[in-house]
């Protein structure tokens, strides 16, 4: 509480405010107020003017934007002295700029010295206000050379904040126009967001857009109630409803935020246990307005802290979504971080932990505007994703339709096409048989038959084109020991690995790699010399050794190859048997010289 006992601290009583000194900026009257707490709410104007009670007024001349009494059942009396040192009557506007005060009773002396009371506050009809404004505004005129002692009695069921300012009429009218413009901008934006997303809900039938509409409407209603606009424009004059409409709005806003969170981040499927807690919390906030109407002020302070807990839960789930790299969680967390900052600021101001200033007064409204904009971007992103999915599905349906049309056309030609289909199927089978007859089933390489046919063709081509032809026979070293130690399945896998090495190294167009038989392989390379073929064979041996396939039975400790290479330029009337024989002889020499090497015949 900002009011400290002035007399006990030796502070001077507040001096009167000379209205002649007012400029175009408002004057905060907080340092000029004398304050008296009335815990029982029983003191009358006559009581507070009596010498004994008047002496109990306290002051705090330190500058502040507002008196903040937190949440309390006490009433407070405020005393203010105004004087006019000028030679002309001075009109002024006394503004109590917090619309949620339950009771604001203003006492002003008349020409005879008797006090006239104006009873207003959020629980009173709006028509009872002497000046129709969302705040409590009292027009005054001080006669030339006059001095008046004014009294205010204030009480509140919810947050008890009393910012009192003094304006010149012209400055207040300018401020009022700017205030109306700011409120119109905010609620116009909310209306546009609500209508647009309501249309999206009607078009898409996705309830997340309806939850967004409900969330925006709840937040904007709560802010309209907090800012006094519900009272000013919706004519809800029931005292209890007027007092609690802001709290009801906040409860519904939190409930809609929790429900929106569930749909946006998909917590029912991803976090089922936490989702049940979110459902319980949302249900609580949906039902809490009934508790407020029955319990009155008792539950208000606890509700403020429950709001903070709910905000922490919402942000925690949002952070989890970001941790899981959910695209929508980034939008959601950024949006509700803005709203949460404003809501926390507002709640701490309501319980008296933060001062009243331009930032804390407007923090929730600014935060909610940013939140709505960011969530609109999130829903736009969601709409774009749905549109892309729709386009994809339409493409799939179009393809299915085209396939159906093709099938119908095919059915019409079924009888005459059946023979052609069978013929084509027979050709395919023949081709498959041809491939199977020329392919080694274990390694996928060409088999011995395919190699023999290719060797004969390449031999005749080399004769015609007068070019050389090279081949190499490669044998896996100590392969029987490998099979005996690891078994035939491991041996088969070893042969497949060797085949992969061969195909990775012999990669020219026109070259052929084949399985010659057992653990023997061969490659055929047209138009290269013996030295080039030897280099290629040695490269294959080195590549296999580099793979380091374990082979305890080998002196090298790994699987290796021995290779025999031969090359010649065929002549008319010759056969490739001699070339094969020389390569085979070179292979045996490579084995005799220690294996794991390639030799040229």
Foldseek 3Di string as FASTA:
>chain_A
DQFDAQVVVVHDQADAAAPVPADLDKDWCQLRKWKDKAQVPPDDPVRCPDPVNVVRTGGDNDDAQKDWPFAGQIKMKIKHKYWYQAQAKAKKKKWFQWQLWLWKWKWWADPVRHIDIQIDGLLAAQVSAPDRDLTRMDIDIHGHGDMIMMMIMTGALFTDITRIIMHGVVSVVVVRVVVVVVLCVLVVVLVVLLVVLVVVCVVVVDCLSVLLNQLSVLLNQLVCLRNSNCSRPVRPNNSLCSNCVNVLSLLSNLLSLLVSLCVLLVCVVVPVVVNVVSNVSSVCSNPCVVVCSVVGSPCNLVVLVVSLVSLVSSLVVLVVSVVVVDPLSVLQNVLSVQQSVLSVLQSCVRRPNDGDDPCNVCSNSVSNSSSSVSVVVSVVVVVVVVVVVVVVVVVVVVVVVVVVVVVVVCVVCVVVCVVVVVVVVVVVVVVVVVLVVQADPLQRFGEQVVVVVLQQVLLVVLQVVVAKKKKKKKAKPPLVLVCVVPNDVVSSVLLNVLSVLLCVLPPDPPKGWYANDDRMIMIIDTRDDQVVVQVSVLVSQVVQVVVFDADVVAPSRGIGMAMFMEMDRHHPPDDCPVNVVNRVVQSVVCVVVPGSHYDYD
